[in-house]
Each structure stands twice: as C-alpha cells, then as structure tokens.
Amino acid sequence: MTADLEVAVIGAGPHGLSATTHMRRAGVRAHLFGKPMSFWKQMPAGMKLRSNMSATNMIEPAGPLSLKSYFDETGDHQAWPVPLRRFIEYGSWVQRRAVPDVDERYVLRLNQANGGFRLELDDGASVTARRVVAAAGIEPFTYLPPGFEHHPEDAVSHTGHHSDLATFAGKRVAVVGAGQSAFECATLMIERGASEVEVLVRSEDVVWLRSYSPKTLMGPVGPLVYAPTDVGPLWYSRLVATPALFRRLPHDLQAKIAYRSIRPACSYFVKVRLDEVKVTLGTQVTAATATPSGLRLSLSDRSSREVDHLMFGTGYRVDVGRYEFLGDSILRRLRRREGYPILRRGLESSVAGLHFVGAPAAFSFGPIMRFVSGSWYGGRSVARAAAGDRGAARAR
C-alpha cells in the first residue's frame, strides 16, 4: 500500500520514545503519537523510582540519551533514588533531543486497511501506516479485586488513579497491597496530612529490599554478574536481561523466573518512613459497605475498620483487549494468552506489521519488558525488524 507513514508509534513514554529513537537511528521514518511521559505525570507527586541508577536509563544504558548525559548537561547529578519529578524531566529532555517533532494527538482507533493500518486521531483526522508499534503503557490495566468496582472512585480507588495524595489530608485511609506503590502511597499520605493510614497485607510477611545492592559487595565482579537492567535476583539477572534467551525456556520455567523477578516488594527508603503507618499482615478486605461517615471494611480475620477511603495498591494485569484504540479487525486476528499478545522476533504480533513494546511484551520476552530498562531491548528489536523490512522491500 501507499501509506502516509512508514511506521506509527502509539504512546510517548519510555518504550515509545525508545522504539522511535532506535528506528530513526536505523533510517526508518517513525512517527510518534502521544503526549510525552503522560502516564508518569499522573503518578503521585513525591514518589521516587525503585530502580537503581543504571536501570533508570531510557533508550540505552550509556550514550547521548543516558541519564549521565542528562545530568552532565543540566549540571544536577542526582543521587539514588531518583525522584519521579526528576525522571519526568529526564524523559522530556530525551524527547526534545530524540523526537522533537512528537505528534501529541491521541490515536482513538486502529484498524487494518489495504495491507497496512488506518489510525483515527482525536482531532477527526486519519492517517495510514505500513507498520505500527503499540507503546501505550499500562494505564488501562489497573487491577481491583472483584467485588469493589461498584463503589464510586471517591470511596474506592487504585494507587494509579491519584497524582496528588494531599487530597487525603485529614482522612482515614486503608491501603491494600504488599508492594512499592501501596507502601509509598501510604507514606506520602501520612506526610501530606492524612489522619490515619493502615496497610493491609494478605501475606504473612513483606519483602523489604536492602538499602544496598548485593553487587556492591562483590567489587569489580558485581557489574559483570548482575545485569545493569536491575530486574530479578542475582542468579536470574543476566538471564532476564537477555530476552532472546529467556523466551527459549519452557513456559513453566519462564513463569517461575518471572514471578521471582517481579514479586511484590518495597524499597528500604520507603520502609524507614513508615513509623506512622500501621501495617497489618495476614488479612484481606472481604467487603466494603458504605456508611454515612465513609466505609466499613470487613476483614478476613473477622475484624472491621471504619475509614474514609479504601485504596488498592494491587498492581496491573495486562489485557491488551482493554486498549480502546484496538479495532475489531485487529482483535479478531490477534493471538493472545492470558491477556498478552503472542509475539515473535521483533516483538511482532500475529497481525503482521503490528508490534507491542512495554508490559504487553512480557509474556513472550520476559519480565524485563515491564520496566524502563526493557526499553533498551524493545527499541532495538523493533528497529531491526522495521529496518529489515525496509531492506527487503528495496530488494524487491
């Protein structure tokens, strides 16, 4: 087909920026749609990134768009952990240098058309593209346990729904979860004036991360053994950082490694700020009933709580069927398993020319795809596929 665009990239977060940058470096004309770092800008103000400094790099672990290059240019050498605000500034800096012509229109609908794709945009226009990279992030995948979705959002919500936790000043809040988002949101709410915050943890313990990386104790050998991607424990790190190898493992083994690499855990820098947060282990909320003064929570240990708000820090569950822009002609042909698209080399789906980067690629390429450092592999892989397709077309 004769298309308006060679490649359209949907989503301007770290993975979309990486795919666009690497394709352009490979000579592929990639056009990026979306508002830069929009998902990150909606996260609770005051948060800090759990990833170490090397894994906080977008695009590449070292080079002109690395975190070090950003710090060198701005003169502000931030120590770990990197504040969310600084990371967003870094992402905006990357976008200005690598993709200054980002198209901030949103893609409302994507369908197949004449051997390629048609994208309908939020201003009423439409364009065609030979190839599409979906880098639309995890915002649609927020997970609330069944039975709580009928409550209004001002009573029951997800940690991903809030950018300003100061709105809970003077409120009693129960937070459900055992990971970083649950504990850090609880801490931030207390620091912003919440009257009471309790974290309810289903398991009998919490995984607290060390204040230091084990590789620091290994001297010069540490960086060789532990991958800079900072995903997974020491003995899985290099394997997880090599998706081309990881995806060749039996699926049962992949699932075991993936769970161990992404299980709920919380950083030490949050743990030391939890003094005023009550943490209750081994219990879960079984029901929430509206009362004149807020909510009455029934717990599995037969106790109850009276709160103003119930917040779930229960993470995200990928289901690309929840991407509203994916049209019926795409979904009918898209092979999926457990909500994830089944991807082959180049992160390409069963719909020829349609690629997925970021968390939706985790089922096929491993847990690294859920993290910022996964943008290194994803961007380069898509670029190789797109450049190879271009070369084959020229040969014909």
Protein backbone atom coordinates (compact mmCIF):
# COMPACT_ATOMS: atom_id res chain seq x y z
CA MET A 1 0.00 0.00 0.00
CA THR A 2 0.99 3.64 -0.37
CA ALA A 3 0.83 4.86 3.22
CA ASP A 4 1.09 8.28 4.81
CA LEU A 5 3.59 6.94 7.36
CA GLU A 6 6.24 4.25 7.26
CA VAL A 7 5.83 3.44 10.96
CA ALA A 8 3.41 4.88 13.51
CA VAL A 9 4.29 4.58 17.20
CA ILE A 10 1.39 4.90 19.65
CA GLY A 11 2.50 6.17 23.06
CA ALA A 12 5.25 8.61 24.06
CA GLY A 13 6.53 7.10 27.29
CA PRO A 14 9.97 5.45 27.69
CA HIS A 15 9.16 2.49 25.43
CA GLY A 16 7.60 4.59 22.68
CA LEU A 17 10.47 7.07 22.79
CA SER A 18 12.97 4.20 22.62
CA ALA A 19 11.29 2.48 19.66
CA THR A 20 11.06 5.76 17.74
CA THR A 21 14.65 6.76 18.50
CA HIS A 22 16.17 3.42 17.52
CA MET A 23 14.14 3.23 14.30
CA ARG A 24 15.22 6.71 13.29
CA ARG A 25 18.82 5.80 14.02
CA ALA A 26 18.32 2.83 11.67
CA GLY A 27 16.99 5.09 8.92
CA VAL A 28 13.32 4.17 9.40
CA ARG A 29 10.82 7.04 9.25
CA ALA A 30 8.94 6.59 12.52
CA HIS A 31 6.18 8.98 13.59
CA LEU A 32 5.37 9.19 17.31
CA PHE A 33 1.85 9.90 18.61
CA GLY A 34 1.01 10.84 22.20
CA LYS A 35 1.79 13.26 25.00
CA PRO A 36 5.34 12.68 26.29
CA MET A 37 5.55 10.94 29.68
CA SER A 38 1.82 11.40 30.26
CA PHE A 39 1.38 8.28 32.43
CA TRP A 40 4.30 9.23 34.65
CA LYS A 41 2.94 12.75 35.08
CA GLN A 42 -0.25 11.24 36.55
CA MET A 43 1.60 9.26 39.22
CA PRO A 44 1.55 10.50 42.83
CA ALA A 45 3.79 13.53 43.31
CA GLY A 46 6.67 12.86 45.66
CA MET A 47 7.31 9.29 44.57
CA LYS A 48 10.81 8.02 43.88
CA LEU A 49 11.92 5.34 41.45
CA ARG A 50 12.79 1.95 42.90
CA SER A 51 15.20 1.09 40.07
CA ASN A 52 18.91 1.69 40.55
CA MET A 53 20.69 4.41 38.59
CA SER A 54 21.77 2.22 35.67
CA ALA A 55 18.26 0.81 35.16
CA THR A 56 16.72 4.29 35.15
CA ASN A 57 18.29 5.00 31.75
CA MET A 58 15.85 5.24 28.85
CA ILE A 59 16.78 4.23 25.30
CA GLU A 60 20.26 2.93 26.15
CA PRO A 61 22.35 2.13 29.24
CA ALA A 62 25.04 4.57 28.11
CA GLY A 63 25.25 7.13 25.36
CA PRO A 64 23.97 10.56 24.33
CA LEU A 65 20.48 9.94 25.76
CA SER A 66 21.56 8.29 29.00
CA LEU A 67 20.83 9.58 32.47
CA LYS A 68 24.50 10.53 32.83
CA SER A 69 24.35 12.67 29.69
CA TYR A 70 21.24 14.38 31.07
CA PHE A 71 22.94 15.07 34.39
CA ASP A 72 26.10 16.31 32.65
CA GLU A 73 24.08 18.76 30.57
CA THR A 74 21.91 20.04 33.42
CA GLY A 75 24.70 20.01 36.00
CA ASP A 76 22.43 18.30 38.52
CA HIS A 77 23.91 14.92 39.45
CA GLN A 78 21.02 13.33 41.30
CA ALA A 79 21.78 10.63 43.84
CA TRP A 80 19.74 7.43 44.09
CA PRO A 81 16.78 7.09 44.46
CA VAL A 82 15.75 9.28 41.54
CA PRO A 83 12.64 11.37 42.32
CA LEU A 84 9.69 10.95 39.98
CA ARG A 85 9.84 14.66 39.15
CA ARG A 86 13.46 14.37 38.01
CA PHE A 87 12.71 11.26 35.95
CA ILE A 88 9.89 13.07 34.13
CA GLU A 89 12.27 15.95 33.40
CA TYR A 90 14.78 13.44 32.05
CA GLY A 91 12.10 11.90 29.81
CA SER A 92 11.14 15.31 28.48
CA TRP A 93 14.81 16.04 27.80
CA VAL A 94 15.11 12.76 25.86
CA GLN A 95 12.01 13.60 23.83
CA ARG A 96 13.24 17.09 22.92
CA ARG A 97 16.55 15.72 21.67
CA ALA A 98 15.47 12.49 20.02
CA VAL A 99 11.87 13.15 18.89
CA PRO A 100 11.35 16.93 18.79
CA ASP A 101 8.51 16.51 16.30
CA VAL A 102 6.30 14.31 18.50
CA ASP A 103 2.65 14.43 17.41
CA GLU A 104 0.61 14.99 20.58
CA ARG A 105 -2.66 13.82 19.08
CA TYR A 106 -4.11 10.63 20.53
CA VAL A 107 -4.95 7.59 18.44
CA LEU A 108 -8.61 6.75 19.04
CA ARG A 109 -8.88 3.74 16.73
CA LEU A 110 -6.51 1.44 14.88
CA ASN A 111 -7.71 -0.96 12.19
CA GLN A 112 -6.20 -2.85 9.30
CA ALA A 113 -6.64 -1.28 5.89
CA ASN A 114 -5.31 -2.18 2.43
CA GLY A 115 -2.33 -4.19 3.61
CA GLY A 116 -1.43 -1.72 6.35
CA PHE A 117 -3.19 0.21 9.09
CA ARG A 118 -5.51 3.17 9.44
CA LEU A 119 -5.27 5.37 12.53
CA GLU A 120 -8.17 7.62 13.53
CA LEU A 121 -6.99 10.58 15.59
CA ASP A 122 -8.64 12.66 18.29
CA ASP A 123 -8.94 15.73 16.05
CA GLY A 124 -11.04 13.85 13.50
CA ALA A 125 -8.18 13.24 11.07
CA SER A 126 -6.99 9.83 9.95
CA VAL A 127 -3.67 8.58 8.59
CA THR A 128 -2.36 5.30 7.22
CA ALA A 129 0.82 3.48 8.17
CA ARG A 130 2.64 0.43 6.85
CA ARG A 131 3.68 -0.65 10.34
CA VAL A 132 2.51 0.20 13.88
CA VAL A 133 4.25 -0.07 17.26
CA ALA A 134 1.89 -0.07 20.26
CA ALA A 135 3.68 1.52 23.22
CA ALA A 136 0.53 2.55 25.04
CA GLY A 137 1.62 1.68 28.57
CA ILE A 138 -0.22 0.11 31.49
CA GLU A 139 -2.76 2.75 32.46
CA PRO A 140 -5.77 0.71 31.25
CA PHE A 141 -4.60 -2.36 33.19
CA THR A 142 -5.18 -1.24 36.79
CA TYR A 143 -6.41 -4.18 38.85
CA LEU A 144 -9.04 -4.05 41.57
CA PRO A 145 -10.15 -7.34 43.14
CA PRO A 146 -13.68 -8.40 42.17
CA GLY A 147 -16.49 -7.05 44.34
CA PHE A 148 -15.30 -3.47 44.77
CA GLU A 149 -15.84 -1.99 41.32
CA HIS A 150 -19.37 -0.74 42.12
CA HIS A 151 -18.08 1.84 44.62
CA PRO A 152 -17.51 5.42 43.40
CA GLU A 153 -13.86 6.42 42.91
CA ASP A 154 -14.03 8.95 45.74
CA ALA A 155 -14.60 5.99 48.09
CA VAL A 156 -12.59 3.14 46.49
CA SER A 157 -9.69 3.63 44.09
CA HIS A 158 -6.36 2.33 42.81
CA THR A 159 -2.99 3.88 43.61
CA GLY A 160 -2.63 4.58 39.89
CA HIS A 161 -5.64 6.92 39.95
CA HIS A 162 -4.00 9.66 42.01
CA SER A 163 -1.48 12.36 41.23
CA ASP A 164 -1.96 14.44 44.39
CA LEU A 165 -2.21 12.49 47.63
CA ALA A 166 -2.63 15.72 49.60
CA THR A 167 -6.35 15.35 48.85
CA PHE A 168 -6.41 12.77 51.66
CA ALA A 169 -5.33 15.25 54.33
CA GLY A 170 -7.42 14.67 57.46
CA LYS A 171 -8.78 11.36 56.07
CA ARG A 172 -8.67 7.79 57.36
CA VAL A 173 -7.35 5.55 54.57
CA ALA A 174 -6.85 1.80 54.27
CA VAL A 175 -4.40 0.66 51.61
CA VAL A 176 -4.40 -2.91 50.29
CA GLY A 177 -1.14 -4.31 48.93
CA ALA A 178 2.36 -5.55 49.70
CA GLY A 179 4.45 -3.72 47.11
CA GLN A 180 6.13 -0.41 46.46
CA SER A 181 3.04 1.52 45.35
CA ALA A 182 0.98 0.50 48.40
CA PHE A 183 3.62 1.40 50.98
CA GLU A 184 4.90 4.52 49.26
CA CYS A 185 1.39 5.92 48.77
CA ALA A 186 0.66 5.20 52.44
CA THR A 187 3.80 7.06 53.47
CA LEU A 188 3.09 10.01 51.18
CA MET A 189 -0.47 10.32 52.51
CA ILE A 190 0.78 10.50 56.10
CA GLU A 191 3.40 13.06 55.11
CA ARG A 192 0.65 15.11 53.44
CA GLY A 193 -1.63 15.17 56.45
CA ALA A 194 -3.80 12.04 56.40
CA SER A 195 -5.09 11.36 59.91
CA GLU A 196 -4.71 7.55 59.79
CA VAL A 197 -3.29 5.19 57.20
CA GLU A 198 -3.20 1.40 57.54
CA VAL A 199 -1.70 -1.00 55.01
CA LEU A 200 -3.45 -4.37 54.87
CA VAL A 201 -1.23 -7.18 53.58
CA ARG A 202 -2.67 -10.55 52.60
CA SER A 203 0.59 -12.46 53.16
CA GLU A 204 2.25 -13.10 56.50
CA ASP A 205 5.33 -11.07 55.63
CA VAL A 206 6.62 -8.28 53.41
CA VAL A 207 9.64 -8.45 51.12
CA TRP A 208 11.82 -5.49 52.07
CA LEU A 209 14.62 -4.69 49.66
CA ARG A 210 18.09 -3.95 51.02
CA SER A 211 19.42 -0.43 51.28
CA TYR A 212 22.28 -1.53 49.03
CA SER A 213 22.66 -3.77 46.01
CA PRO A 214 24.41 -7.12 46.59
CA LYS A 215 26.65 -6.36 43.63
CA THR A 216 28.30 -3.56 45.63
CA LEU A 217 29.74 -6.22 47.97
CA MET A 218 31.24 -8.10 45.02
CA GLY A 219 33.61 -5.35 43.98
CA PRO A 220 34.58 -5.23 40.29
CA VAL A 221 32.91 -8.59 39.68
CA GLY A 222 29.48 -7.25 40.68
CA PRO A 223 28.60 -5.43 37.45
CA LEU A 224 29.69 -8.48 35.45
CA VAL A 225 27.41 -10.84 37.37
CA TYR A 226 24.41 -8.58 37.94
CA ALA A 227 22.91 -7.00 34.83
CA PRO A 228 22.52 -3.20 34.66
CA THR A 229 18.82 -3.71 33.90
CA ASP A 230 18.26 -4.33 37.65
CA VAL A 231 15.47 -6.88 37.17
CA GLY A 232 15.44 -10.17 39.04
CA PRO A 233 17.60 -11.61 41.82
CA LEU A 234 21.32 -12.06 41.35
CA TRP A 235 21.08 -15.61 39.98
CA TYR A 236 18.44 -14.69 37.35
CA SER A 237 19.56 -11.19 36.48
CA ARG A 238 21.63 -11.89 33.35
CA LEU A 239 19.10 -14.39 32.02
CA VAL A 240 16.19 -11.96 32.40
CA ALA A 241 18.28 -9.24 30.76
CA THR A 242 18.62 -11.43 27.65
CA PRO A 243 15.05 -11.82 26.32
CA ALA A 244 16.19 -13.68 23.20
CA LEU A 245 17.47 -16.45 25.50
CA PHE A 246 14.73 -16.19 28.13
CA ARG A 247 11.97 -16.79 25.58
CA ARG A 248 13.51 -20.13 24.59
CA LEU A 249 12.96 -21.59 28.07
CA PRO A 250 9.98 -23.86 28.84
CA HIS A 251 6.99 -21.71 29.72
CA ASP A 252 6.65 -23.15 33.24
CA LEU A 253 10.24 -22.16 33.97
CA GLN A 254 9.67 -18.72 32.44
CA ALA A 255 6.68 -18.19 34.74
CA LYS A 256 8.69 -19.21 37.81
CA ILE A 257 11.54 -16.85 36.95
CA ALA A 258 9.17 -14.02 36.07
CA TYR A 259 7.28 -14.29 39.38
CA ARG A 260 10.52 -14.31 41.35
CA SER A 261 11.67 -11.24 39.42
CA ILE A 262 8.56 -9.11 39.88
CA ARG A 263 7.04 -10.30 43.16
CA PRO A 264 5.69 -7.53 45.43
CA ALA A 265 8.48 -5.83 47.35
CA CYS A 266 9.25 -2.46 48.85
CA SER A 267 12.39 -0.36 48.95
CA TYR A 268 14.34 0.37 52.10
CA PHE A 269 13.99 4.12 51.51
CA VAL A 270 10.21 3.71 51.98
CA LYS A 271 10.47 1.29 54.91
CA VAL A 272 12.34 3.83 57.05
CA ARG A 273 9.48 6.35 56.62
CA LEU A 274 6.67 4.04 57.79
CA ASP A 275 6.70 4.89 61.51
CA GLU A 276 3.25 6.49 61.47
CA VAL A 277 1.72 3.90 59.13
CA LYS A 278 0.04 0.88 60.68
CA VAL A 279 0.84 -2.38 58.86
CA THR A 280 -1.40 -5.40 59.40
CA LEU A 281 -0.25 -8.74 57.99
CA GLY A 282 -2.17 -11.89 57.13
CA THR A 283 -5.52 -10.32 56.38
CA GLN A 284 -7.54 -9.03 53.46
CA VAL A 285 -10.64 -6.97 52.85
CA THR A 286 -13.63 -9.18 52.13
CA ALA A 287 -16.27 -6.45 51.78
CA ALA A 288 -16.73 -2.69 51.87
CA THR A 289 -20.05 -1.16 52.91
CA ALA A 290 -20.93 2.50 52.54
CA THR A 291 -21.88 4.29 55.77
CA PRO A 292 -22.92 7.90 56.47
CA SER A 293 -19.36 8.65 57.57
CA GLY A 294 -17.41 6.66 54.94
CA LEU A 295 -16.81 2.92 54.55
CA ARG A 296 -16.99 -0.06 56.87
CA LEU A 297 -14.46 -2.71 55.87
CA SER A 298 -14.92 -6.35 56.78
CA LEU A 299 -11.64 -8.25 57.06
CA SER A 300 -10.83 -11.93 56.73
CA ASP A 301 -9.76 -12.09 60.40
CA ARG A 302 -13.35 -11.11 61.34
CA SER A 303 -12.35 -7.64 62.43
CA SER A 304 -13.59 -4.43 60.81
CA ARG A 305 -12.37 -0.93 60.04
CA GLU A 306 -14.11 2.42 59.67
CA VAL A 307 -12.36 4.51 57.01
CA ASP A 308 -12.99 7.40 54.66
CA HIS A 309 -11.30 5.75 51.70
CA LEU A 310 -10.11 2.34 50.52
CA MET A 311 -7.14 2.34 48.14
CA PHE A 312 -5.82 -0.70 46.30
CA GLY A 313 -2.13 -1.00 45.53
CA THR A 314 -2.77 -4.25 43.72
CA GLY A 315 -0.81 -3.54 40.58
CA TYR A 316 -1.67 -4.02 36.95
CA ARG A 317 -2.86 -7.01 34.93
CA VAL A 318 -2.13 -6.85 31.24
CA ASP A 319 -5.07 -7.35 28.89
CA VAL A 320 -4.50 -5.67 25.53
CA GLY A 321 -8.21 -6.09 24.81
CA ARG A 322 -8.59 -3.10 27.16
CA TYR A 323 -6.68 -0.85 24.78
CA GLU A 324 -9.65 1.10 23.46
CA PHE A 325 -7.83 2.05 20.26
CA LEU A 326 -7.52 -1.55 19.05
CA GLY A 327 -10.28 -2.07 16.49
CA ASP A 328 -12.25 -5.24 15.84
CA SER A 329 -10.26 -6.10 12.72
CA ILE A 330 -7.13 -6.18 14.91
CA LEU A 331 -8.56 -8.03 17.90
CA ARG A 332 -10.09 -10.77 15.79
CA ARG A 333 -6.68 -11.71 14.39
CA LEU A 334 -4.54 -11.00 17.43
CA ARG A 335 -3.34 -14.20 19.12
CA ARG A 336 -3.40 -13.73 22.88
CA ARG A 337 -2.72 -15.72 26.01
CA GLU A 338 -3.75 -14.56 29.47
CA GLY A 339 -4.37 -11.10 28.03
CA TYR A 340 -0.91 -10.79 26.46
CA PRO A 341 -0.28 -10.74 22.71
CA ILE A 342 1.82 -13.66 21.48
CA LEU A 343 4.89 -12.06 19.93
CA ARG A 344 7.65 -13.29 17.66
CA ARG A 345 11.01 -11.83 16.70
CA GLY A 346 10.99 -8.05 16.61
CA LEU A 347 8.13 -8.07 19.16
CA GLU A 348 5.74 -8.52 16.23
CA SER A 349 2.27 -9.92 16.86
CA SER A 350 0.18 -12.36 14.83
CA VAL A 351 -1.14 -9.30 12.99
CA ALA A 352 1.67 -8.70 10.52
CA GLY A 353 3.28 -5.31 10.99
CA LEU A 354 1.84 -4.70 14.47
CA HIS A 355 4.36 -4.71 17.32
CA PHE A 356 3.90 -4.37 21.09
CA VAL A 357 6.55 -2.95 23.43
CA GLY A 358 6.50 -2.49 27.19
CA ALA A 359 4.49 -4.64 29.61
CA PRO A 360 2.35 -6.38 26.92
CA ALA A 361 5.56 -7.96 25.60
CA ALA A 362 6.39 -9.56 28.97
CA PHE A 363 4.65 -12.88 28.28
CA SER A 364 6.79 -13.51 25.19
CA PHE A 365 10.04 -11.75 26.14
CA GLY A 366 10.15 -11.84 29.92
CA PRO A 367 9.70 -9.55 32.92
CA ILE A 368 12.30 -7.01 31.81
CA MET A 369 9.74 -5.64 29.36
CA ARG A 370 7.70 -4.29 32.30
CA PHE A 371 10.47 -1.89 33.29
CA VAL A 372 12.13 1.22 31.90
CA SER A 373 15.32 -0.74 31.25
CA GLY A 374 13.33 -3.07 28.99
CA SER A 375 13.12 -0.17 26.54
CA TRP A 376 16.74 -0.85 25.55
CA TYR A 377 15.94 -4.27 24.12
CA GLY A 378 12.45 -3.44 22.85
CA GLY A 379 13.51 -0.35 20.94
CA ARG A 380 16.44 -2.05 19.25
CA SER A 381 14.44 -5.18 18.36
CA VAL A 382 11.62 -3.24 16.72
CA ALA A 383 14.17 -1.11 14.86
CA ARG A 384 15.91 -4.19 13.46
CA ALA A 385 12.59 -5.61 12.27
CA ALA A 386 11.48 -2.36 10.65
CA ALA A 387 14.87 -1.75 9.02
CA GLY A 388 14.98 -5.33 7.76
CA ASP A 389 11.52 -4.98 6.24
CA ARG A 390 12.59 -1.79 4.53
CA GLY A 391 15.69 -3.53 3.11
CA ALA A 392 13.61 -6.44 1.84
CA ALA A 393 11.16 -4.04 0.16
CA ARG A 394 14.05 -2.29 -1.61
CA ALA A 395 15.43 -5.62 -2.78
CA ARG A 396 12.09 -6.47 -4.35
